[in-house]
Amino acid sequence: MAIGSKELAPDELDTFEDERLIDELKKAKEELFNLRFQSATGQLDSHGRLRAVKRDIARVYTVIRERELGIRATPAPVEVAPKAAKKTKKTEEVAPAAAESAAVDTAATSAEEKK
């Protein structure tokens, strides 16, 4: 029987985004600190919980490192519906001007190549 948190199973950690992994890591470290403090003062009820929290921390660090190395895939971010862009006169004026300058640059370079 493995001791560990059912909240931080390796399969579940794969679905977490990087920000949430870091939050889980902070929570686990804080819990480990509190458990060590309870142990030092003699108030700790479950010594197995110390071991479980340490393993949870190791699991999170492993997932983070594997993502850095490209061993484990980072979950695709949830896309939010983009807001409709409002067209203004400035954006409409910039686009034709950019197209004209690109055409002039192309004509100039082709004329230079012919020489």
PDB file of N, CA and C in Angstrom:
ATOM      1  N   MET A   1       0.843  -1.183   0.000  1.00  0.00           N
ATOM      2  CA  MET A   1       0.000   0.000   0.000  1.00  0.00           C
ATOM      3  C   MET A   1       0.884   1.240   0.000  1.00  0.00           C
ATOM      4  N   ALA A   2       0.711   2.028  -1.008  1.00  0.00           N
ATOM      5  CA  ALA A   2       1.533   3.229  -1.156  1.00  0.00           C
ATOM      6  C   ALA A   2       0.937   4.381  -0.366  1.00  0.00           C
ATOM      7  N   ILE A   3       1.816   5.090   0.279  1.00  0.00           N
ATOM      8  CA  ILE A   3       1.382   6.276   1.009  1.00  0.00           C
ATOM      9  C   ILE A   3       1.545   7.458   0.082  1.00  0.00           C
ATOM     10  N   GLY A   4       0.550   8.257  -0.009  1.00  0.00           N
ATOM     11  CA  GLY A   4       0.640   9.425  -0.874  1.00  0.00           C
ATOM     12  C   GLY A   4      -0.678  10.144  -0.913  1.00  0.00           C
ATOM     13  N   SER A   5      -0.654  11.259  -1.495  1.00  0.00           N
ATOM     14  CA  SER A   5      -1.860  12.050  -1.593  1.00  0.00           C
ATOM     15  C   SER A   5      -2.623  11.636  -2.835  1.00  0.00           C
ATOM     16  N   LYS A   6      -3.892  11.453  -2.687  1.00  0.00           N
ATOM     17  CA  LYS A   6      -4.716  11.093  -3.836  1.00  0.00           C
ATOM     18  C   LYS A   6      -4.988  12.318  -4.697  1.00  0.00           C
ATOM     19  N   GLU A   7      -4.719  13.490  -4.174  1.00  0.00           N
ATOM     20  CA  GLU A   7      -4.946  14.723  -4.916  1.00  0.00           C
ATOM     21  C   GLU A   7      -3.894  14.927  -6.002  1.00  0.00           C
ATOM     22  N   LEU A   8      -2.674  14.483  -5.752  1.00  0.00           N
ATOM     23  CA  LEU A   8      -1.581  14.755  -6.672  1.00  0.00           C
ATOM     24  C   LEU A   8      -1.076  13.469  -7.330  1.00  0.00           C
ATOM     25  N   ALA A   9      -1.952  12.731  -7.961  1.00  0.00           N
ATOM     26  CA  ALA A   9      -1.561  11.533  -8.696  1.00  0.00           C
ATOM     27  C   ALA A   9      -0.799  11.960  -9.949  1.00  0.00           C
ATOM     28  N   PRO A  10       0.171  11.168 -10.380  1.00  0.00           N
ATOM     29  CA  PRO A  10       0.958  11.546 -11.562  1.00  0.00           C
ATOM     30  C   PRO A  10       0.103  11.786 -12.812  1.00  0.00           C
ATOM     31  N   ASP A  11      -0.950  11.003 -12.992  1.00  0.00           N
ATOM     32  CA  ASP A  11      -1.814  11.210 -14.155  1.00  0.00           C
ATOM     33  C   ASP A  11      -2.523  12.561 -14.083  1.00  0.00           C
ATOM     34  N   GLU A  12      -2.884  12.955 -12.887  1.00  0.00           N
ATOM     35  CA  GLU A  12      -3.571  14.232 -12.718  1.00  0.00           C
ATOM     36  C   GLU A  12      -2.605  15.402 -12.898  1.00  0.00           C
ATOM     37  N   LEU A  13      -1.354  15.213 -12.477  1.00  0.00           N
ATOM     38  CA  LEU A  13      -0.360  16.277 -12.620  1.00  0.00           C
ATOM     39  C   LEU A  13      -0.096  16.595 -14.088  1.00  0.00           C
ATOM     40  N   ASP A  14      -0.271  15.616 -14.966  1.00  0.00           N
ATOM     41  CA  ASP A  14      -0.062  15.849 -16.394  1.00  0.00           C
ATOM     42  C   ASP A  14      -1.042  16.860 -16.960  1.00  0.00           C
ATOM     43  N   THR A  15      -2.225  16.951 -16.361  1.00  0.00           N
ATOM     44  CA  THR A  15      -3.249  17.859 -16.878  1.00  0.00           C
ATOM     45  C   THR A  15      -3.101  19.277 -16.348  1.00  0.00           C
ATOM     46  N   PHE A  16      -2.273  19.479 -15.333  1.00  0.00           N
ATOM     47  CA  PHE A  16      -2.106  20.804 -14.741  1.00  0.00           C
ATOM     48  C   PHE A  16      -1.225  21.671 -15.625  1.00  0.00           C
ATOM     49  N   GLU A  17      -1.533  22.959 -15.667  1.00  0.00           N
ATOM     50  CA  GLU A  17      -0.671  23.918 -16.339  1.00  0.00           C
ATOM     51  C   GLU A  17       0.486  24.257 -15.413  1.00  0.00           C
ATOM     52  N   ASP A  18       1.510  24.896 -15.946  1.00  0.00           N
ATOM     53  CA  ASP A  18       2.709  25.200 -15.169  1.00  0.00           C
ATOM     54  C   ASP A  18       2.400  26.056 -13.942  1.00  0.00           C
ATOM     55  N   GLU A  19       1.527  27.030 -14.095  1.00  0.00           N
ATOM     56  CA  GLU A  19       1.191  27.918 -12.975  1.00  0.00           C
ATOM     57  C   GLU A  19       0.542  27.139 -11.840  1.00  0.00           C
ATOM     58  N   ARG A  20      -0.354  26.219 -12.207  1.00  0.00           N
ATOM     59  CA  ARG A  20      -1.036  25.439 -11.178  1.00  0.00           C
ATOM     60  C   ARG A  20      -0.060  24.479 -10.502  1.00  0.00           C
ATOM     61  N   LEU A  21       0.897  23.939 -11.250  1.00  0.00           N
ATOM     62  CA  LEU A  21       1.915  23.076 -10.646  1.00  0.00           C
ATOM     63  C   LEU A  21       2.717  23.838  -9.600  1.00  0.00           C
ATOM     64  N   ILE A  22       3.075  25.062  -9.924  1.00  0.00           N
ATOM     65  CA  ILE A  22       3.847  25.871  -8.983  1.00  0.00           C
ATOM     66  C   ILE A  22       3.013  26.175  -7.742  1.00  0.00           C
ATOM     67  N   ASP A  23       1.717  26.438  -7.932  1.00  0.00           N
ATOM     68  CA  ASP A  23       0.838  26.668  -6.781  1.00  0.00           C
ATOM     69  C   ASP A  23       0.747  25.430  -5.898  1.00  0.00           C
ATOM     70  N   GLU A  24       0.615  24.258  -6.513  1.00  0.00           N
ATOM     71  CA  GLU A  24       0.554  23.003  -5.755  1.00  0.00           C
ATOM     72  C   GLU A  24       1.857  22.768  -5.003  1.00  0.00           C
ATOM     73  N   LEU A  25       2.970  23.107  -5.637  1.00  0.00           N
ATOM     74  CA  LEU A  25       4.274  22.963  -4.991  1.00  0.00           C
ATOM     75  C   LEU A  25       4.373  23.856  -3.764  1.00  0.00           C
ATOM     76  N   LYS A  26       3.917  25.090  -3.890  1.00  0.00           N
ATOM     77  CA  LYS A  26       3.947  26.016  -2.748  1.00  0.00           C
ATOM     78  C   LYS A  26       3.080  25.508  -1.604  1.00  0.00           C
ATOM     79  N   LYS A  27       1.892  24.982  -1.941  1.00  0.00           N
ATOM     80  CA  LYS A  27       1.000  24.456  -0.909  1.00  0.00           C
ATOM     81  C   LYS A  27       1.638  23.267  -0.193  1.00  0.00           C
ATOM     82  N   ALA A  28       2.258  22.379  -0.967  1.00  0.00           N
ATOM     83  CA  ALA A  28       2.872  21.196  -0.384  1.00  0.00           C
ATOM     84  C   ALA A  28       4.051  21.574   0.510  1.00  0.00           C
ATOM     85  N   LYS A  29       4.845  22.542   0.081  1.00  0.00           N
ATOM     86  CA  LYS A  29       5.976  22.976   0.903  1.00  0.00           C
ATOM     87  C   LYS A  29       5.502  23.622   2.201  1.00  0.00           C
ATOM     88  N   GLU A  30       4.425  24.381   2.097  1.00  0.00           N
ATOM     89  CA  GLU A  30       3.866  25.006   3.291  1.00  0.00           C
ATOM     90  C   GLU A  30       3.344  23.935   4.255  1.00  0.00           C
ATOM     91  N   GLU A  31       2.683  22.920   3.712  1.00  0.00           N
ATOM     92  CA  GLU A  31       2.178  21.839   4.555  1.00  0.00           C
ATOM     93  C   GLU A  31       3.330  21.078   5.203  1.00  0.00           C
ATOM     94  N   LEU A  32       4.403  20.843   4.443  1.00  0.00           N
ATOM     95  CA  LEU A  32       5.568  20.157   4.997  1.00  0.00           C
ATOM     96  C   LEU A  32       6.175  20.965   6.139  1.00  0.00           C
ATOM     97  N   PHE A  33       6.243  22.259   5.977  1.00  0.00           N
ATOM     98  CA  PHE A  33       6.758  23.122   7.043  1.00  0.00           C
ATOM     99  C   PHE A  33       5.906  22.982   8.303  1.00  0.00           C
ATOM    100  N   ASN A  34       4.585  23.035   8.119  1.00  0.00           N
ATOM    101  CA  ASN A  34       3.690  22.926   9.271  1.00  0.00           C
ATOM    102  C   ASN A  34       3.797  21.558   9.935  1.00  0.00           C
ATOM    103  N   LEU A  35       3.927  20.507   9.127  1.00  0.00           N
ATOM    104  CA  LEU A  35       4.063  19.167   9.692  1.00  0.00           C
ATOM    105  C   LEU A  35       5.371  19.016  10.470  1.00  0.00           C
ATOM    106  N   ARG A  36       6.437  19.578   9.950  1.00  0.00           N
ATOM    107  CA  ARG A  36       7.719  19.526  10.670  1.00  0.00           C
ATOM    108  C   ARG A  36       7.633  20.303  11.981  1.00  0.00           C
ATOM    109  N   PHE A  37       6.940  21.401  11.946  1.00  0.00           N
ATOM    110  CA  PHE A  37       6.769  22.192  13.161  1.00  0.00           C
ATOM    111  C   PHE A  37       5.968  21.404  14.194  1.00  0.00           C
ATOM    112  N   GLN A  38       4.906  20.740  13.745  1.00  0.00           N
ATOM    113  CA  GLN A  38       4.103  19.910  14.643  1.00  0.00           C
ATOM    114  C   GLN A  38       4.932  18.758  15.199  1.00  0.00           C
ATOM    115  N   SER A  39       5.787  18.187  14.370  1.00  0.00           N
ATOM    116  CA  SER A  39       6.631  17.083  14.812  1.00  0.00           C
ATOM    117  C   SER A  39       7.610  17.544  15.892  1.00  0.00           C
ATOM    118  N   ALA A  40       8.171  18.738  15.703  1.00  0.00           N
ATOM    119  CA  ALA A  40       9.139  19.260  16.670  1.00  0.00           C
ATOM    120  C   ALA A  40       8.487  19.575  18.010  1.00  0.00           C
ATOM    121  N   THR A  41       7.233  19.970  17.981  1.00  0.00           N
ATOM    122  CA  THR A  41       6.544  20.316  19.223  1.00  0.00           C
ATOM    123  C   THR A  41       5.794  19.128  19.821  1.00  0.00           C
ATOM    124  N   GLY A  42       5.840  17.986  19.136  1.00  0.00           N
ATOM    125  CA  GLY A  42       5.192  16.793  19.666  1.00  0.00           C
ATOM    126  C   GLY A  42       3.697  16.745  19.423  1.00  0.00           C
ATOM    127  N   GLN A  43       3.180  17.511  18.498  1.00  0.00           N
ATOM    128  CA  GLN A  43       1.745  17.558  18.235  1.00  0.00           C
ATOM    129  C   GLN A  43       1.354  16.799  16.968  1.00  0.00           C
ATOM    130  N   LEU A  44       2.316  16.148  16.307  1.00  0.00           N
ATOM    131  CA  LEU A  44       2.031  15.464  15.047  1.00  0.00           C
ATOM    132  C   LEU A  44       1.286  14.163  15.298  1.00  0.00           C
ATOM    133  N   ASP A  45       0.148  13.998  14.633  1.00  0.00           N
ATOM    134  CA  ASP A  45      -0.658  12.791  14.792  1.00  0.00           C
ATOM    135  C   ASP A  45      -0.231  11.699  13.819  1.00  0.00           C
ATOM    136  N   SER A  46       0.015  12.057  12.591  1.00  0.00           N
ATOM    137  CA  SER A  46       0.315  11.070  11.559  1.00  0.00           C
ATOM    138  C   SER A  46       1.701  11.317  10.975  1.00  0.00           C
ATOM    139  N   HIS A  47       2.643  10.462  11.324  1.00  0.00           N
ATOM    140  CA  HIS A  47       4.002  10.612  10.816  1.00  0.00           C
ATOM    141  C   HIS A  47       4.091  10.211   9.347  1.00  0.00           C
ATOM    142  N   GLY A  48       3.169   9.405   8.886  1.00  0.00           N
ATOM    143  CA  GLY A  48       3.146   9.003   7.487  1.00  0.00           C
ATOM    144  C   GLY A  48       2.823  10.154   6.555  1.00  0.00           C
ATOM    145  N   ARG A  49       2.151  11.141   7.093  1.00  0.00           N
ATOM    146  CA  ARG A  49       1.794  12.303   6.274  1.00  0.00           C
ATOM    147  C   ARG A  49       3.043  13.075   5.846  1.00  0.00           C
ATOM    148  N   LEU A  50       4.079  13.108   6.702  1.00  0.00           N
ATOM    149  CA  LEU A  50       5.338  13.756   6.334  1.00  0.00           C
ATOM    150  C   LEU A  50       5.911  13.115   5.073  1.00  0.00           C
ATOM    151  N   ARG A  51       5.938  11.808   5.060  1.00  0.00           N
ATOM    152  CA  ARG A  51       6.486  11.071   3.922  1.00  0.00           C
ATOM    153  C   ARG A  51       5.639  11.308   2.669  1.00  0.00           C
ATOM    154  N   ALA A  52       4.332  11.332   2.822  1.00  0.00           N
ATOM    155  CA  ALA A  52       3.438  11.532   1.679  1.00  0.00           C
ATOM    156  C   ALA A  52       3.629  12.914   1.060  1.00  0.00           C
ATOM    157  N   VAL A  53       3.781  13.936   1.892  1.00  0.00           N
ATOM    158  CA  VAL A  53       3.951  15.299   1.389  1.00  0.00           C
ATOM    159  C   VAL A  53       5.303  15.439   0.689  1.00  0.00           C
ATOM    160  N   LYS A  54       6.337  14.804   1.229  1.00  0.00           N
ATOM    161  CA  LYS A  54       7.649  14.843   0.573  1.00  0.00           C
ATOM    162  C   LYS A  54       7.577  14.204  -0.807  1.00  0.00           C
ATOM    163  N   ARG A  55       6.838  13.105  -0.903  1.00  0.00           N
ATOM    164  CA  ARG A  55       6.700  12.442  -2.202  1.00  0.00           C
ATOM    165  C   ARG A  55       5.896  13.293  -3.179  1.00  0.00           C
ATOM    166  N   ASP A  56       4.889  13.978  -2.673  1.00  0.00           N
ATOM    167  CA  ASP A  56       4.116  14.874  -3.536  1.00  0.00           C
ATOM    168  C   ASP A  56       5.002  15.980  -4.097  1.00  0.00           C
ATOM    169  N   ILE A  57       5.849  16.533  -3.255  1.00  0.00           N
ATOM    170  CA  ILE A  57       6.772  17.583  -3.696  1.00  0.00           C
ATOM    171  C   ILE A  57       7.703  17.033  -4.774  1.00  0.00           C
ATOM    172  N   ALA A  58       8.215  15.820  -4.555  1.00  0.00           N
ATOM    173  CA  ALA A  58       9.106  15.200  -5.537  1.00  0.00           C
ATOM    174  C   ALA A  58       8.373  14.954  -6.855  1.00  0.00           C
ATOM    175  N   ARG A  59       7.105  14.547  -6.794  1.00  0.00           N
ATOM    176  CA  ARG A  59       6.329  14.320  -8.018  1.00  0.00           C
ATOM    177  C   ARG A  59       6.178  15.608  -8.820  1.00  0.00           C
ATOM    178  N   VAL A  60       5.874  16.689  -8.127  1.00  0.00           N
ATOM    179  CA  VAL A  60       5.681  17.972  -8.816  1.00  0.00           C
ATOM    180  C   VAL A  60       6.998  18.428  -9.442  1.00  0.00           C
ATOM    181  N   TYR A  61       8.093  18.319  -8.696  1.00  0.00           N
ATOM    182  CA  TYR A  61       9.392  18.694  -9.248  1.00  0.00           C
ATOM    183  C   TYR A  61       9.735  17.841 -10.473  1.00  0.00           C
ATOM    184  N   THR A  62       9.405  16.566 -10.431  1.00  0.00           N
ATOM    185  CA  THR A  62       9.686  15.676 -11.554  1.00  0.00           C
ATOM    186  C   THR A  62       8.907  16.095 -12.791  1.00  0.00           C
ATOM    187  N   VAL A  63       7.635  16.394 -12.627  1.00  0.00           N
ATOM    188  CA  VAL A  63       6.817  16.809 -13.769  1.00  0.00           C
ATOM    189  C   VAL A  63       7.343  18.114 -14.356  1.00  0.00           C
ATOM    190  N   ILE A  64       7.695  19.062 -13.514  1.00  0.00           N
ATOM    191  CA  ILE A  64       8.224  20.348 -13.991  1.00  0.00           C
ATOM    192  C   ILE A  64       9.517  20.130 -14.780  1.00  0.00           C
ATOM    193  N   ARG A  65      10.406  19.311 -14.243  1.00  0.00           N
ATOM    194  CA  ARG A  65      11.694  19.075 -14.909  1.00  0.00           C
ATOM    195  C   ARG A  65      11.510  18.317 -16.220  1.00  0.00           C
ATOM    196  N   GLU A  66      10.629  17.332 -16.236  1.00  0.00           N
ATOM    197  CA  GLU A  66      10.383  16.584 -17.472  1.00  0.00           C
ATOM    198  C   GLU A  66       9.806  17.480 -18.560  1.00  0.00           C
ATOM    199  N   ARG A  67       8.994  18.440 -18.165  1.00  0.00           N
ATOM    200  CA  ARG A  67       8.464  19.391 -19.152  1.00  0.00           C
ATOM    201  C   ARG A  67       9.566  20.281 -19.693  1.00  0.00           C
ATOM    202  N   GLU A  68      10.502  20.691 -18.828  1.00  0.00           N
ATOM    203  CA  GLU A  68      11.618  21.517 -19.279  1.00  0.00           C
ATOM    204  C   GLU A  68      12.475  20.773 -20.298  1.00  0.00           C
ATOM    205  N   LEU A  69      12.652  19.468 -20.075  1.00  0.00           N
ATOM    206  CA  LEU A  69      13.489  18.666 -20.956  1.00  0.00           C
ATOM    207  C   LEU A  69      12.746  18.172 -22.190  1.00  0.00           C
ATOM    208  N   GLY A  70      11.425  18.344 -22.209  1.00  0.00           N
ATOM    209  CA  GLY A  70      10.638  17.905 -23.346  1.00  0.00           C
ATOM    210  C   GLY A  70      10.250  16.441 -23.286  1.00  0.00           C
ATOM    211  N   ILE A  71      10.455  15.797 -22.154  1.00  0.00           N
ATOM    212  CA  ILE A  71      10.091  14.389 -21.991  1.00  0.00           C
ATOM    213  C   ILE A  71       8.589  14.246 -21.845  1.00  0.00           C
ATOM    214  N   ARG A  72       8.005  15.161 -21.106  1.00  0.00           N
ATOM    215  CA  ARG A  72       6.568  15.130 -20.843  1.00  0.00           C
ATOM    216  C   ARG A  72       5.939  16.327 -21.540  1.00  0.00           C
ATOM    217  N   ALA A  73       4.817  16.111 -22.174  1.00  0.00           N
ATOM    218  CA  ALA A  73       4.147  17.180 -22.929  1.00  0.00           C
ATOM    219  C   ALA A  73       3.436  18.139 -21.986  1.00  0.00           C
ATOM    220  N   THR A  74       3.519  19.408 -22.307  1.00  0.00           N
ATOM    221  CA  THR A  74       2.786  20.429 -21.569  1.00  0.00           C
ATOM    222  C   THR A  74       1.364  20.445 -22.094  1.00  0.00           C
ATOM    223  N   PRO A  75       0.370  20.488 -21.204  1.00  0.00           N
ATOM    224  CA  PRO A  75      -1.017  20.486 -21.693  1.00  0.00           C
ATOM    225  C   PRO A  75      -1.314  21.732 -22.506  1.00  0.00           C
ATOM    226  N   ALA A  76      -2.169  21.570 -23.489  1.00  0.00           N
ATOM    227  CA  ALA A  76      -2.552  22.700 -24.327  1.00  0.00           C
ATOM    228  C   ALA A  76      -3.346  23.695 -23.498  1.00  0.00           C
ATOM    229  N   PRO A  77      -3.020  24.975 -23.595  1.00  0.00           N
ATOM    230  CA  PRO A  77      -3.763  25.970 -22.820  1.00  0.00           C
ATOM    231  C   PRO A  77      -5.199  26.080 -23.312  1.00  0.00           C
ATOM    232  N   VAL A  78      -6.062  26.373 -22.394  1.00  0.00           N
ATOM    233  CA  VAL A  78      -7.470  26.551 -22.735  1.00  0.00           C
ATOM    234  C   VAL A  78      -7.614  27.889 -23.427  1.00  0.00           C
ATOM    235  N   GLU A  79      -8.155  27.856 -24.636  1.00  0.00           N
ATOM    236  CA  GLU A  79      -8.269  29.082 -25.410  1.00  0.00           C
ATOM    237  C   GLU A  79      -9.536  29.837 -25.026  1.00  0.00           C
ATOM    238  N   VAL A  80      -9.377  31.126 -24.871  1.00  0.00           N
ATOM    239  CA  VAL A  80     -10.498  31.995 -24.569  1.00  0.00           C
ATOM    240  C   VAL A  80     -10.955  32.603 -25.882  1.00  0.00           C
ATOM    241  N   ALA A  81     -12.244  32.741 -26.063  1.00  0.00           N
ATOM    242  CA  ALA A  81     -12.765  33.295 -27.307  1.00  0.00           C
ATOM    243  C   ALA A  81     -12.206  34.702 -27.508  1.00  0.00           C
ATOM    244  N   PRO A  82     -11.590  34.954 -28.676  1.00  0.00           N
ATOM    245  CA  PRO A  82     -11.011  36.281 -28.909  1.00  0.00           C
ATOM    246  C   PRO A  82     -12.109  37.330 -29.089  1.00  0.00           C
ATOM    247  N   LYS A  83     -11.803  38.511 -28.633  1.00  0.00           N
ATOM    248  CA  LYS A  83     -12.749  39.614 -28.785  1.00  0.00           C
ATOM    249  C   LYS A  83     -12.702  40.108 -30.227  1.00  0.00           C
ATOM    250  N   ALA A  84     -13.827  40.531 -30.717  1.00  0.00           N
ATOM    251  CA  ALA A  84     -13.893  41.032 -32.091  1.00  0.00           C
ATOM    252  C   ALA A  84     -13.122  42.342 -32.171  1.00  0.00           C
ATOM    253  N   ALA A  85     -12.200  42.383 -33.125  1.00  0.00           N
ATOM    254  CA  ALA A  85     -11.392  43.593 -33.291  1.00  0.00           C
ATOM    255  C   ALA A  85     -12.200  44.627 -34.051  1.00  0.00           C
ATOM    256  N   LYS A  86     -12.173  45.835 -33.543  1.00  0.00           N
ATOM    257  CA  LYS A  86     -12.886  46.922 -34.208  1.00  0.00           C
ATOM    258  C   LYS A  86     -11.982  47.507 -35.282  1.00  0.00           C
ATOM    259  N   LYS A  87     -12.544  47.694 -36.472  1.00  0.00           N
ATOM    260  CA  LYS A  87     -11.770  48.298 -37.547  1.00  0.00           C
ATOM    261  C   LYS A  87     -11.872  49.806 -37.419  1.00  0.00           C
ATOM    262  N   THR A  88     -10.735  50.428 -37.491  1.00  0.00           N
ATOM    263  CA  THR A  88     -10.703  51.886 -37.446  1.00  0.00           C
ATOM    264  C   THR A  88     -10.091  52.379 -38.747  1.00  0.00           C
ATOM    265  N   LYS A  89     -10.205  53.635 -38.964  1.00  0.00           N
ATOM    266  CA  LYS A  89      -9.655  54.214 -40.185  1.00  0.00           C
ATOM    267  C   LYS A  89      -8.146  54.070 -40.227  1.00  0.00           C
ATOM    268  N   LYS A  90      -7.505  54.114 -39.040  1.00  0.00           N
ATOM    269  CA  LYS A  90      -6.051  54.015 -38.991  1.00  0.00           C
ATOM    270  C   LYS A  90      -5.588  52.647 -39.471  1.00  0.00           C
ATOM    271  N   THR A  91      -6.252  51.587 -39.049  1.00  0.00           N
ATOM    272  CA  THR A  91      -5.828  50.251 -39.476  1.00  0.00           C
ATOM    273  C   THR A  91      -6.106  50.035 -40.951  1.00  0.00           C
ATOM    274  N   GLU A  92      -7.174  50.626 -41.475  1.00  0.00           N
ATOM    275  CA  GLU A  92      -7.480  50.485 -42.889  1.00  0.00           C
ATOM    276  C   GLU A  92      -6.492  51.270 -43.743  1.00  0.00           C
ATOM    277  N   GLU A  93      -6.019  52.410 -43.228  1.00  0.00           N
ATOM    278  CA  GLU A  93      -5.077  53.226 -43.975  1.00  0.00           C
ATOM    279  C   GLU A  93      -3.685  52.620 -43.949  1.00  0.00           C
ATOM    280  N   VAL A  94      -3.317  51.970 -42.875  1.00  0.00           N
ATOM    281  CA  VAL A  94      -1.988  51.398 -42.735  1.00  0.00           C
ATOM    282  C   VAL A  94      -1.811  50.214 -43.677  1.00  0.00           C
ATOM    283  N   ALA A  95      -2.805  49.387 -43.817  1.00  0.00           N
ATOM    284  CA  ALA A  95      -2.694  48.187 -44.642  1.00  0.00           C
ATOM    285  C   ALA A  95      -2.402  48.515 -46.101  1.00  0.00           C
ATOM    286  N   PRO A  96      -3.143  49.426 -46.777  1.00  0.00           N
ATOM    287  CA  PRO A  96      -2.807  49.747 -48.172  1.00  0.00           C
ATOM    288  C   PRO A  96      -1.441  50.393 -48.302  1.00  0.00           C
ATOM    289  N   ALA A  97      -1.078  51.238 -47.341  1.00  0.00           N
ATOM    290  CA  ALA A  97       0.222  51.899 -47.395  1.00  0.00           C
ATOM    291  C   ALA A  97       1.341  50.874 -47.288  1.00  0.00           C
ATOM    292  N   ALA A  98       1.173  49.875 -46.446  1.00  0.00           N
ATOM    293  CA  ALA A  98       2.182  48.839 -46.294  1.00  0.00           C
ATOM    294  C   ALA A  98       2.292  48.011 -47.560  1.00  0.00           C
ATOM    295  N   ALA A  99       1.172  47.739 -48.208  1.00  0.00           N
ATOM    296  CA  ALA A  99       1.173  46.965 -49.446  1.00  0.00           C
ATOM    297  C   ALA A  99       1.876  47.736 -50.556  1.00  0.00           C
ATOM    298  N   GLU A 100       1.641  49.061 -50.623  1.00  0.00           N
ATOM    299  CA  GLU A 100       2.276  49.878 -51.642  1.00  0.00           C
ATOM    300  C   GLU A 100       3.784  49.926 -51.441  1.00  0.00           C
ATOM    301  N   SER A 101       4.235  50.071 -50.188  1.00  0.00           N
ATOM    302  CA  SER A 101       5.668  50.143 -49.932  1.00  0.00           C
ATOM    303  C   SER A 101       6.333  48.812 -50.242  1.00  0.00           C
ATOM    304  N   ALA A 102       5.648  47.706 -50.021  1.00  0.00           N
ATOM    305  CA  ALA A 102       6.204  46.399 -50.338  1.00  0.00           C
ATOM    306  C   ALA A 102       6.331  46.240 -51.854  1.00  0.00           C
ATOM    307  N   ALA A 103       5.353  46.750 -52.603  1.00  0.00           N
ATOM    308  CA  ALA A 103       5.395  46.666 -54.060  1.00  0.00           C
ATOM    309  C   ALA A 103       6.530  47.510 -54.608  1.00  0.00           C
ATOM    310  N   VAL A 104       6.758  48.683 -54.035  1.00  0.00           N
ATOM    311  CA  VAL A 104       7.832  49.559 -54.479  1.00  0.00           C
ATOM    312  C   VAL A 104       9.177  48.910 -54.186  1.00  0.00           C
ATOM    313  N   ASP A 105       9.331  48.299 -53.008  1.00  0.00           N
ATOM    314  CA  ASP A 105      10.581  47.630 -52.646  1.00  0.00           C
ATOM    315  C   ASP A 105      10.863  46.478 -53.605  1.00  0.00           C
ATOM    316  N   THR A 106       9.833  45.735 -53.965  1.00  0.00           N
ATOM    317  CA  THR A 106       9.993  44.602 -54.872  1.00  0.00           C
ATOM    318  C   THR A 106      10.407  45.077 -56.254  1.00  0.00           C
ATOM    319  N   ALA A 107       9.797  46.156 -56.730  1.00  0.00           N
ATOM    320  CA  ALA A 107      10.125  46.701 -58.044  1.00  0.00           C
ATOM    321  C   ALA A 107      11.557  47.223 -58.065  1.00  0.00           C
ATOM    322  N   ALA A 108      11.986  47.850 -56.989  1.00  0.00           N
ATOM    323  CA  ALA A 108      13.331  48.399 -56.916  1.00  0.00           C
ATOM    324  C   ALA A 108      14.368  47.283 -56.911  1.00  0.00           C
ATOM    325  N   THR A 109      14.116  46.211 -56.183  1.00  0.00           N
ATOM    326  CA  THR A 109      15.087  45.123 -56.135  1.00  0.00           C
ATOM    327  C   THR A 109      15.149  44.373 -57.458  1.00  0.00           C
ATOM    328  N   SER A 110      14.006  44.234 -58.163  1.00  0.00           N
ATOM    329  CA  SER A 110      14.030  43.550 -59.454  1.00  0.00           C
ATOM    330  C   SER A 110      14.750  44.403 -60.491  1.00  0.00           C
ATOM    331  N   ALA A 111      14.636  45.738 -60.393  1.00  0.00           N
ATOM    332  CA  ALA A 111      15.332  46.626 -61.322  1.00  0.00           C
ATOM    333  C   ALA A 111      16.833  46.552 -61.086  1.00  0.00           C
ATOM    334  N   GLU A 112      17.252  46.426 -59.831  1.00  0.00           N
ATOM    335  CA  GLU A 112      18.667  46.324 -59.520  1.00  0.00           C
ATOM    336  C   GLU A 112      19.258  44.998 -59.993  1.00  0.00           C
ATOM    337  N   GLU A 113      18.451  43.938 -59.942  1.00  0.00           N
ATOM    338  CA  GLU A 113      18.915  42.632 -60.350  1.00  0.00           C
ATOM    339  C   GLU A 113      19.125  42.576 -61.869  1.00  0.00           C
ATOM    340  N   LYS A 114      18.328  43.321 -62.616  1.00  0.00           N
ATOM    341  CA  LYS A 114      18.453  43.326 -64.081  1.00  0.00           C
ATOM    342  C   LYS A 114      19.737  43.998 -64.536  1.00  0.00           C
ATOM    343  N   LYS A 115      20.238  44.933 -63.728  1.00  0.00           N
ATOM    344  CA  LYS A 115      21.472  45.666 -64.093  1.00  0.00           C
ATOM    345  C   LYS A 115      22.612  44.764 -63.996  1.00  0.00           C
TER     346      LYS A 115
END
